[in-house]
Every structure is written in structure tokens, then in C-alpha cells.
Amino acid sequence: MVLGSCLFILRIVGCQSLKEKRFVLKSLKDRIAHRFNVSIAEVDYQDLWQKAALGVAMVSSNRMIVEKTFNQILSLVEQDGRAEILEASKEID
């Protein structure tokens, strides 16, 4: 069994309120969870309206699947355009 976790620190582009931030993050989290079958949550910076931290967790039987999935999630977030990735880290055990 392989357990992977990934942390994305994001800057929400053009966001002017917590309400806008929540809208962007909910949309992004729903797309990622539905498309990749992973668990995802906002794990830090809940009170800041231009910054967010998203934690992603995945369990698989194959390390390469976890690595590939995290890379695809990173690409999806980069292509979305509503959030800029400031930092991304992943841990796979």
C-alpha cells in the first residue's frame, strides 16, 4: 500500500474577499476530487483572502500512479488560471 500526500500553497488571483476565495477553492477542490478520486481540503490560511493551502491525500497499490496523479493535479491547477502555485511539496510512502 502506498500513501501519498501533497501540499499546494496558492495565491488566489484577483480575489477581493473571503467569499470569492471560497468560491474559487470549492470549484477547484470539487474538480480535483471528482476527476482524480483523491481527498482534498483547505488546510491553512483560512482567514486570508488571497492565499490558501490545499492538502491532497491518495492511497494506491502503485507508487507511480500516485506520482502521476499528483503531477496531473499540479498541471490542472496551473492551467486553471484562477490560482497561482507559490509552493508545492509531495510525500509518498
PDB file of N, CA and C in Angstrom:
ATOM      1  N   MET A   1       0.848  -1.176   0.000  1.00  0.00           N
ATOM      2  CA  MET A   1       0.000   0.000   0.000  1.00  0.00           C
ATOM      3  C   MET A   1       0.895   1.241   0.000  1.00  0.00           C
ATOM      4  N   VAL A   2       0.557   2.183  -0.853  1.00  0.00           N
ATOM      5  CA  VAL A   2       1.310   3.426  -0.986  1.00  0.00           C
ATOM      6  C   VAL A   2       0.400   4.577  -0.588  1.00  0.00           C
ATOM      7  N   LEU A   3       0.904   5.428   0.305  1.00  0.00           N
ATOM      8  CA  LEU A   3       0.158   6.602   0.755  1.00  0.00           C
ATOM      9  C   LEU A   3       0.897   7.838   0.284  1.00  0.00           C
ATOM     10  N   GLY A   4       0.185   8.717  -0.399  1.00  0.00           N
ATOM     11  CA  GLY A   4       0.782   9.951  -0.878  1.00  0.00           C
ATOM     12  C   GLY A   4       0.053  11.153  -0.339  1.00  0.00           C
ATOM     13  N   SER A   5       0.811  12.189  -0.026  1.00  0.00           N
ATOM     14  CA  SER A   5       0.206  13.451   0.376  1.00  0.00           C
ATOM     15  C   SER A   5       0.922  14.575  -0.364  1.00  0.00           C
ATOM     16  N   CYS A   6       0.173  15.600  -0.650  1.00  0.00           N
ATOM     17  CA  CYS A   6       0.699  16.724  -1.415  1.00  0.00           C
ATOM     18  C   CYS A   6       0.129  18.010  -0.816  1.00  0.00           C
ATOM     19  N   LEU A   7       0.963  19.022  -0.751  1.00  0.00           N
ATOM     20  CA  LEU A   7       0.536  20.311  -0.217  1.00  0.00           C
ATOM     21  C   LEU A   7       0.810  21.383  -1.261  1.00  0.00           C
ATOM     22  N   PHE A   8      -0.227  22.145  -1.603  1.00  0.00           N
ATOM     23  CA  PHE A   8      -0.117  23.254  -2.532  1.00  0.00           C
ATOM     24  C   PHE A   8      -0.385  24.546  -1.779  1.00  0.00           C
ATOM     25  N   ILE A   9       0.549  25.486  -1.858  1.00  0.00           N
ATOM     26  CA  ILE A   9       0.327  26.827  -1.344  1.00  0.00           C
ATOM     27  C   ILE A   9      -0.039  27.679  -2.556  1.00  0.00           C
ATOM     28  N   LEU A  10      -1.205  28.311  -2.510  1.00  0.00           N
ATOM     29  CA  LEU A  10      -1.730  29.031  -3.661  1.00  0.00           C
ATOM     30  C   LEU A  10      -1.950  30.511  -3.355  1.00  0.00           C
ATOM     31  N   ARG A  11      -1.824  31.322  -4.391  1.00  0.00           N
ATOM     32  CA  ARG A  11      -2.268  32.713  -4.331  1.00  0.00           C
ATOM     33  C   ARG A  11      -3.468  32.800  -5.254  1.00  0.00           C
ATOM     34  N   ILE A  12      -4.581  33.237  -4.709  1.00  0.00           N
ATOM     35  CA  ILE A  12      -5.811  33.338  -5.488  1.00  0.00           C
ATOM     36  C   ILE A  12      -5.765  34.654  -6.268  1.00  0.00           C
ATOM     37  N   VAL A  13      -5.722  34.556  -7.574  1.00  0.00           N
ATOM     38  CA  VAL A  13      -5.552  35.713  -8.452  1.00  0.00           C
ATOM     39  C   VAL A  13      -6.839  36.540  -8.510  1.00  0.00           C
ATOM     40  N   GLY A  14      -6.718  37.843  -8.280  1.00  0.00           N
ATOM     41  CA  GLY A  14      -7.848  38.756  -8.417  1.00  0.00           C
ATOM     42  C   GLY A  14      -8.918  38.622  -7.349  1.00  0.00           C
ATOM     43  N   CYS A  15      -8.636  37.957  -6.286  1.00  0.00           N
ATOM     44  CA  CYS A  15      -9.624  37.733  -5.229  1.00  0.00           C
ATOM     45  C   CYS A  15      -9.701  38.959  -4.324  1.00  0.00           C
ATOM     46  N   GLN A  16     -10.936  39.406  -4.017  1.00  0.00           N
ATOM     47  CA  GLN A  16     -11.132  40.601  -3.204  1.00  0.00           C
ATOM     48  C   GLN A  16     -11.849  40.333  -1.886  1.00  0.00           C
ATOM     49  N   SER A  17     -12.238  39.077  -1.635  1.00  0.00           N
ATOM     50  CA  SER A  17     -12.943  38.770  -0.386  1.00  0.00           C
ATOM     51  C   SER A  17     -12.827  37.280  -0.082  1.00  0.00           C
ATOM     52  N   LEU A  18     -13.163  36.943   1.159  1.00  0.00           N
ATOM     53  CA  LEU A  18     -13.175  35.527   1.539  1.00  0.00           C
ATOM     54  C   LEU A  18     -14.242  34.763   0.769  1.00  0.00           C
ATOM     55  N   LYS A  19     -15.346  35.425   0.451  1.00  0.00           N
ATOM     56  CA  LYS A  19     -16.415  34.787  -0.309  1.00  0.00           C
ATOM     57  C   LYS A  19     -15.919  34.382  -1.707  1.00  0.00           C
ATOM     58  N   GLU A  20     -15.189  35.264  -2.364  1.00  0.00           N
ATOM     59  CA  GLU A  20     -14.618  34.935  -3.678  1.00  0.00           C
ATOM     60  C   GLU A  20     -13.609  33.796  -3.553  1.00  0.00           C
ATOM     61  N   LYS A  21     -12.789  33.849  -2.511  1.00  0.00           N
ATOM     62  CA  LYS A  21     -11.798  32.796  -2.284  1.00  0.00           C
ATOM     63  C   LYS A  21     -12.491  31.447  -2.111  1.00  0.00           C
ATOM     64  N   ARG A  22     -13.525  31.401  -1.295  1.00  0.00           N
ATOM     65  CA  ARG A  22     -14.246  30.144  -1.061  1.00  0.00           C
ATOM     66  C   ARG A  22     -14.856  29.603  -2.349  1.00  0.00           C
ATOM     67  N   PHE A  23     -15.383  30.501  -3.185  1.00  0.00           N
ATOM     68  CA  PHE A  23     -15.967  30.093  -4.458  1.00  0.00           C
ATOM     69  C   PHE A  23     -14.909  29.440  -5.358  1.00  0.00           C
ATOM     70  N   VAL A  24     -13.753  30.082  -5.474  1.00  0.00           N
ATOM     71  CA  VAL A  24     -12.673  29.546  -6.308  1.00  0.00           C
ATOM     72  C   VAL A  24     -12.182  28.212  -5.758  1.00  0.00           C
ATOM     73  N   LEU A  25     -11.934  28.149  -4.446  1.00  0.00           N
ATOM     74  CA  LEU A  25     -11.415  26.924  -3.850  1.00  0.00           C
ATOM     75  C   LEU A  25     -12.416  25.782  -3.916  1.00  0.00           C
ATOM     76  N   LYS A  26     -13.682  26.056  -3.683  1.00  0.00           N
ATOM     77  CA  LYS A  26     -14.691  24.996  -3.757  1.00  0.00           C
ATOM     78  C   LYS A  26     -14.746  24.412  -5.161  1.00  0.00           C
ATOM     79  N   SER A  27     -14.736  25.278  -6.151  1.00  0.00           N
ATOM     80  CA  SER A  27     -14.756  24.825  -7.538  1.00  0.00           C
ATOM     81  C   SER A  27     -13.525  23.976  -7.857  1.00  0.00           C
ATOM     82  N   LEU A  28     -12.364  24.445  -7.444  1.00  0.00           N
ATOM     83  CA  LEU A  28     -11.117  23.735  -7.706  1.00  0.00           C
ATOM     84  C   LEU A  28     -11.073  22.398  -6.968  1.00  0.00           C
ATOM     85  N   LYS A  29     -11.459  22.411  -5.688  1.00  0.00           N
ATOM     86  CA  LYS A  29     -11.460  21.170  -4.901  1.00  0.00           C
ATOM     87  C   LYS A  29     -12.430  20.153  -5.477  1.00  0.00           C
ATOM     88  N   ASP A  30     -13.622  20.587  -5.874  1.00  0.00           N
ATOM     89  CA  ASP A  30     -14.609  19.670  -6.443  1.00  0.00           C
ATOM     90  C   ASP A  30     -14.110  19.044  -7.739  1.00  0.00           C
ATOM     91  N   ARG A  31     -13.486  19.852  -8.609  1.00  0.00           N
ATOM     92  CA  ARG A  31     -12.951  19.338  -9.873  1.00  0.00           C
ATOM     93  C   ARG A  31     -11.866  18.308  -9.627  1.00  0.00           C
ATOM     94  N   ILE A  32     -10.954  18.609  -8.704  1.00  0.00           N
ATOM     95  CA  ILE A  32      -9.844  17.700  -8.415  1.00  0.00           C
ATOM     96  C   ILE A  32     -10.360  16.403  -7.790  1.00  0.00           C
ATOM     97  N   ALA A  33     -11.217  16.505  -6.789  1.00  0.00           N
ATOM     98  CA  ALA A  33     -11.734  15.316  -6.102  1.00  0.00           C
ATOM     99  C   ALA A  33     -12.512  14.418  -7.060  1.00  0.00           C
ATOM    100  N   HIS A  34     -13.326  15.025  -7.909  1.00  0.00           N
ATOM    101  CA  HIS A  34     -14.146  14.246  -8.843  1.00  0.00           C
ATOM    102  C   HIS A  34     -13.293  13.597  -9.932  1.00  0.00           C
ATOM    103  N   ARG A  35     -12.362  14.348 -10.472  1.00  0.00           N
ATOM    104  CA  ARG A  35     -11.565  13.847 -11.601  1.00  0.00           C
ATOM    105  C   ARG A  35     -10.520  12.815 -11.189  1.00  0.00           C
ATOM    106  N   PHE A  36      -9.916  12.992 -10.005  1.00  0.00           N
ATOM    107  CA  PHE A  36      -8.798  12.135  -9.612  1.00  0.00           C
ATOM    108  C   PHE A  36      -9.093  11.187  -8.455  1.00  0.00           C
ATOM    109  N   ASN A  37     -10.281  11.237  -7.886  1.00  0.00           N
ATOM    110  CA  ASN A  37     -10.661  10.358  -6.777  1.00  0.00           C
ATOM    111  C   ASN A  37      -9.654  10.434  -5.625  1.00  0.00           C
ATOM    112  N   VAL A  38      -9.384  11.648  -5.163  1.00  0.00           N
ATOM    113  CA  VAL A  38      -8.482  11.890  -4.042  1.00  0.00           C
ATOM    114  C   VAL A  38      -9.235  12.661  -2.965  1.00  0.00           C
ATOM    115  N   SER A  39      -8.671  12.695  -1.787  1.00  0.00           N
ATOM    116  CA  SER A  39      -9.218  13.531  -0.716  1.00  0.00           C
ATOM    117  C   SER A  39      -8.481  14.864  -0.749  1.00  0.00           C
ATOM    118  N   ILE A  40      -9.229  15.956  -0.617  1.00  0.00           N
ATOM    119  CA  ILE A  40      -8.617  17.277  -0.697  1.00  0.00           C
ATOM    120  C   ILE A  40      -9.322  18.217   0.277  1.00  0.00           C
ATOM    121  N   ALA A  41      -8.534  19.069   0.932  1.00  0.00           N
ATOM    122  CA  ALA A  41      -9.101  20.015   1.891  1.00  0.00           C
ATOM    123  C   ALA A  41      -8.216  21.255   1.987  1.00  0.00           C
ATOM    124  N   GLU A  42      -8.839  22.372   2.366  1.00  0.00           N
ATOM    125  CA  GLU A  42      -8.080  23.575   2.673  1.00  0.00           C
ATOM    126  C   GLU A  42      -7.513  23.383   4.075  1.00  0.00           C
ATOM    127  N   VAL A  43      -6.188  23.462   4.212  1.00  0.00           N
ATOM    128  CA  VAL A  43      -5.557  23.119   5.483  1.00  0.00           C
ATOM    129  C   VAL A  43      -4.886  24.290   6.203  1.00  0.00           C
ATOM    130  N   ASP A  44      -4.819  25.457   5.558  1.00  0.00           N
ATOM    131  CA  ASP A  44      -4.200  26.611   6.214  1.00  0.00           C
ATOM    132  C   ASP A  44      -4.627  27.895   5.502  1.00  0.00           C
ATOM    133  N   TYR A  45      -4.377  29.024   6.143  1.00  0.00           N
ATOM    134  CA  TYR A  45      -4.665  30.360   5.617  1.00  0.00           C
ATOM    135  C   TYR A  45      -6.160  30.596   5.383  1.00  0.00           C
ATOM    136  N   GLN A  46      -7.008  30.019   6.212  1.00  0.00           N
ATOM    137  CA  GLN A  46      -8.451  30.178   6.039  1.00  0.00           C
ATOM    138  C   GLN A  46      -8.913  31.623   6.186  1.00  0.00           C
ATOM    139  N   ASP A  47      -8.194  32.444   6.927  1.00  0.00           N
ATOM    140  CA  ASP A  47      -8.619  33.827   7.156  1.00  0.00           C
ATOM    141  C   ASP A  47      -8.002  34.830   6.184  1.00  0.00           C
ATOM    142  N   LEU A  48      -7.134  34.364   5.299  1.00  0.00           N
ATOM    143  CA  LEU A  48      -6.528  35.248   4.298  1.00  0.00           C
ATOM    144  C   LEU A  48      -7.256  35.071   2.976  1.00  0.00           C
ATOM    145  N   TRP A  49      -7.613  36.169   2.329  1.00  0.00           N
ATOM    146  CA  TRP A  49      -8.437  36.057   1.130  1.00  0.00           C
ATOM    147  C   TRP A  49      -7.656  35.904  -0.163  1.00  0.00           C
ATOM    148  N   GLN A  50      -6.317  36.039  -0.129  1.00  0.00           N
ATOM    149  CA  GLN A  50      -5.540  35.847  -1.349  1.00  0.00           C
ATOM    150  C   GLN A  50      -4.588  34.670  -1.283  1.00  0.00           C
ATOM    151  N   LYS A  51      -4.603  33.939  -0.193  1.00  0.00           N
ATOM    152  CA  LYS A  51      -3.672  32.825  -0.030  1.00  0.00           C
ATOM    153  C   LYS A  51      -4.426  31.618   0.507  1.00  0.00           C
ATOM    154  N   ALA A  52      -4.023  30.426   0.045  1.00  0.00           N
ATOM    155  CA  ALA A  52      -4.671  29.197   0.500  1.00  0.00           C
ATOM    156  C   ALA A  52      -3.660  28.059   0.484  1.00  0.00           C
ATOM    157  N   ALA A  53      -3.897  27.081   1.321  1.00  0.00           N
ATOM    158  CA  ALA A  53      -3.103  25.860   1.319  1.00  0.00           C
ATOM    159  C   ALA A  53      -4.074  24.691   1.143  1.00  0.00           C
ATOM    160  N   LEU A  54      -3.844  23.898   0.103  1.00  0.00           N
ATOM    161  CA  LEU A  54      -4.669  22.729  -0.146  1.00  0.00           C
ATOM    162  C   LEU A  54      -3.847  21.470   0.100  1.00  0.00           C
ATOM    163  N   GLY A  55      -4.401  20.565   0.893  1.00  0.00           N
ATOM    164  CA  GLY A  55      -3.772  19.279   1.144  1.00  0.00           C
ATOM    165  C   GLY A  55      -4.512  18.209   0.374  1.00  0.00           C
ATOM    166  N   VAL A  56      -3.755  17.353  -0.297  1.00  0.00           N
ATOM    167  CA  VAL A  56      -4.319  16.266  -1.093  1.00  0.00           C
ATOM    168  C   VAL A  56      -3.749  14.952  -0.572  1.00  0.00           C
ATOM    169  N   ALA A  57      -4.604  13.939  -0.420  1.00  0.00           N
ATOM    170  CA  ALA A  57      -4.163  12.623   0.031  1.00  0.00           C
ATOM    171  C   ALA A  57      -4.697  11.555  -0.905  1.00  0.00           C
ATOM    172  N   MET A  58      -3.866  10.517  -1.099  1.00  0.00           N
ATOM    173  CA  MET A  58      -4.245   9.440  -2.006  1.00  0.00           C
ATOM    174  C   MET A  58      -3.612   8.138  -1.528  1.00  0.00           C
ATOM    175  N   VAL A  59      -4.361   7.054  -1.659  1.00  0.00           N
ATOM    176  CA  VAL A  59      -3.864   5.720  -1.350  1.00  0.00           C
ATOM    177  C   VAL A  59      -3.957   4.895  -2.622  1.00  0.00           C
ATOM    178  N   SER A  60      -2.904   4.129  -2.893  1.00  0.00           N
ATOM    179  CA  SER A  60      -2.890   3.289  -4.089  1.00  0.00           C
ATOM    180  C   SER A  60      -2.014   2.074  -3.835  1.00  0.00           C
ATOM    181  N   SER A  61      -2.023   1.162  -4.772  1.00  0.00           N
ATOM    182  CA  SER A  61      -1.157  -0.002  -4.672  1.00  0.00           C
ATOM    183  C   SER A  61       0.143   0.209  -5.441  1.00  0.00           C
ATOM    184  N   ASN A  62       0.237   1.341  -6.158  1.00  0.00           N
ATOM    185  CA  ASN A  62       1.385   1.586  -7.030  1.00  0.00           C
ATOM    186  C   ASN A  62       1.902   3.014  -6.840  1.00  0.00           C
ATOM    187  N   ARG A  63       3.179   3.128  -6.556  1.00  0.00           N
ATOM    188  CA  ARG A  63       3.812   4.435  -6.335  1.00  0.00           C
ATOM    189  C   ARG A  63       3.732   5.321  -7.580  1.00  0.00           C
ATOM    190  N   MET A  64       3.906   4.740  -8.746  1.00  0.00           N
ATOM    191  CA  MET A  64       3.892   5.509  -9.994  1.00  0.00           C
ATOM    192  C   MET A  64       2.522   6.138 -10.251  1.00  0.00           C
ATOM    193  N   ILE A  65       1.464   5.470  -9.869  1.00  0.00           N
ATOM    194  CA  ILE A  65       0.115   6.020 -10.040  1.00  0.00           C
ATOM    195  C   ILE A  65      -0.057   7.261  -9.170  1.00  0.00           C
ATOM    196  N   VAL A  66       0.421   7.192  -7.940  1.00  0.00           N
ATOM    197  CA  VAL A  66       0.329   8.345  -7.037  1.00  0.00           C
ATOM    198  C   VAL A  66       1.137   9.513  -7.595  1.00  0.00           C
ATOM    199  N   GLU A  67       2.362   9.253  -8.030  1.00  0.00           N
ATOM    200  CA  GLU A  67       3.222  10.296  -8.595  1.00  0.00           C
ATOM    201  C   GLU A  67       2.568  10.925  -9.826  1.00  0.00           C
ATOM    202  N   LYS A  68       2.041  10.101 -10.716  1.00  0.00           N
ATOM    203  CA  LYS A  68       1.396  10.589 -11.939  1.00  0.00           C
ATOM    204  C   LYS A  68       0.161  11.435 -11.610  1.00  0.00           C
ATOM    205  N   THR A  69      -0.635  10.971 -10.661  1.00  0.00           N
ATOM    206  CA  THR A  69      -1.845  11.699 -10.266  1.00  0.00           C
ATOM    207  C   THR A  69      -1.497  13.064  -9.696  1.00  0.00           C
ATOM    208  N   PHE A  70      -0.493  13.129  -8.819  1.00  0.00           N
ATOM    209  CA  PHE A  70      -0.101  14.416  -8.240  1.00  0.00           C
ATOM    210  C   PHE A  70       0.419  15.366  -9.319  1.00  0.00           C
ATOM    211  N   ASN A  71       1.156  14.856 -10.293  1.00  0.00           N
ATOM    212  CA  ASN A  71       1.633  15.700 -11.394  1.00  0.00           C
ATOM    213  C   ASN A  71       0.473  16.215 -12.238  1.00  0.00           C
ATOM    214  N   GLN A  72      -0.541  15.384 -12.458  1.00  0.00           N
ATOM    215  CA  GLN A  72      -1.718  15.804 -13.215  1.00  0.00           C
ATOM    216  C   GLN A  72      -2.515  16.865 -12.452  1.00  0.00           C
ATOM    217  N   ILE A  73      -2.613  16.723 -11.135  1.00  0.00           N
ATOM    218  CA  ILE A  73      -3.296  17.722 -10.310  1.00  0.00           C
ATOM    219  C   ILE A  73      -2.542  19.044 -10.376  1.00  0.00           C
ATOM    220  N   LEU A  74      -1.225  18.989 -10.282  1.00  0.00           N
ATOM    221  CA  LEU A  74      -0.400  20.191 -10.393  1.00  0.00           C
ATOM    222  C   LEU A  74      -0.646  20.887 -11.733  1.00  0.00           C
ATOM    223  N   SER A  75      -0.689  20.132 -12.809  1.00  0.00           N
ATOM    224  CA  SER A  75      -0.950  20.702 -14.135  1.00  0.00           C
ATOM    225  C   SER A  75      -2.334  21.327 -14.218  1.00  0.00           C
ATOM    226  N   LEU A  76      -3.328  20.650 -13.642  1.00  0.00           N
ATOM    227  CA  LEU A  76      -4.690  21.178 -13.663  1.00  0.00           C
ATOM    228  C   LEU A  76      -4.770  22.526 -12.946  1.00  0.00           C
ATOM    229  N   VAL A  77      -4.140  22.615 -11.785  1.00  0.00           N
ATOM    230  CA  VAL A  77      -4.158  23.865 -11.016  1.00  0.00           C
ATOM    231  C   VAL A  77      -3.433  24.970 -11.785  1.00  0.00           C
ATOM    232  N   GLU A  78      -2.292  24.641 -12.395  1.00  0.00           N
ATOM    233  CA  GLU A  78      -1.545  25.630 -13.171  1.00  0.00           C
ATOM    234  C   GLU A  78      -2.353  26.135 -14.352  1.00  0.00           C
ATOM    235  N   GLN A  79      -3.071  25.261 -15.026  1.00  0.00           N
ATOM    236  CA  GLN A  79      -3.844  25.620 -16.208  1.00  0.00           C
ATOM    237  C   GLN A  79      -5.137  26.346 -15.869  1.00  0.00           C
ATOM    238  N   ASP A  80      -5.611  26.196 -14.645  1.00  0.00           N
ATOM    239  CA  ASP A  80      -6.886  26.795 -14.249  1.00  0.00           C
ATOM    240  C   ASP A  80      -6.857  28.320 -14.367  1.00  0.00           C
ATOM    241  N   GLY A  81      -5.773  28.944 -13.965  1.00  0.00           N
ATOM    242  CA  GLY A  81      -5.636  30.385 -14.112  1.00  0.00           C
ATOM    243  C   GLY A  81      -6.199  31.221 -12.979  1.00  0.00           C
ATOM    244  N   ARG A  82      -7.021  30.640 -12.121  1.00  0.00           N
ATOM    245  CA  ARG A  82      -7.588  31.404 -11.004  1.00  0.00           C
ATOM    246  C   ARG A  82      -6.683  31.390  -9.786  1.00  0.00           C
ATOM    247  N   ALA A  83      -5.706  30.466  -9.779  1.00  0.00           N
ATOM    248  CA  ALA A  83      -4.787  30.359  -8.651  1.00  0.00           C
ATOM    249  C   ALA A  83      -3.365  30.162  -9.166  1.00  0.00           C
ATOM    250  N   GLU A  84      -2.437  30.817  -8.507  1.00  0.00           N
ATOM    251  CA  GLU A  84      -1.023  30.690  -8.837  1.00  0.00           C
ATOM    252  C   GLU A  84      -0.372  29.822  -7.764  1.00  0.00           C
ATOM    253  N   ILE A  85       0.390  28.834  -8.178  1.00  0.00           N
ATOM    254  CA  ILE A  85       1.061  27.956  -7.219  1.00  0.00           C
ATOM    255  C   ILE A  85       2.325  28.649  -6.719  1.00  0.00           C
ATOM    256  N   LEU A  86       2.372  28.914  -5.422  1.00  0.00           N
ATOM    257  CA  LEU A  86       3.550  29.517  -4.813  1.00  0.00           C
ATOM    258  C   LEU A  86       4.535  28.445  -4.379  1.00  0.00           C
ATOM    259  N   GLU A  87       4.002  27.312  -3.943  1.00  0.00           N
ATOM    260  CA  GLU A  87       4.843  26.215  -3.449  1.00  0.00           C
ATOM    261  C   GLU A  87       4.073  24.917  -3.572  1.00  0.00           C
ATOM    262  N   ALA A  88       4.772  23.860  -3.913  1.00  0.00           N
ATOM    263  CA  ALA A  88       4.153  22.536  -3.977  1.00  0.00           C
ATOM    264  C   ALA A  88       5.140  21.525  -3.410  1.00  0.00           C
ATOM    265  N   SER A  89       4.661  20.686  -2.511  1.00  0.00           N
ATOM    266  CA  SER A  89       5.509  19.642  -1.956  1.00  0.00           C
ATOM    267  C   SER A  89       4.702  18.352  -1.891  1.00  0.00           C
ATOM    268  N   LYS A  90       5.383  17.239  -2.114  1.00  0.00           N
ATOM    269  CA  LYS A  90       4.691  15.955  -2.038  1.00  0.00           C
ATOM    270  C   LYS A  90       5.531  14.949  -1.281  1.00  0.00           C
ATOM    271  N   GLU A  91       4.845  14.040  -0.646  1.00  0.00           N
ATOM    272  CA  GLU A  91       5.483  12.977   0.122  1.00  0.00           C
ATOM    273  C   GLU A  91       4.765  11.673  -0.216  1.00  0.00           C
ATOM    274  N   ILE A  92       5.534  10.691  -0.603  1.00  0.00           N
ATOM    275  CA  ILE A  92       4.969   9.403  -0.978  1.00  0.00           C
ATOM    276  C   ILE A  92       5.690   8.322  -0.184  1.00  0.00           C
ATOM    277  N   ASP A  93       4.929   7.569   0.598  1.00  0.00           N
ATOM    278  CA  ASP A  93       5.479   6.490   1.420  1.00  0.00           C
ATOM    279  C   ASP A  93       4.883   5.160   1.032  1.00  0.00           C
TER     280      ASP A  93
END
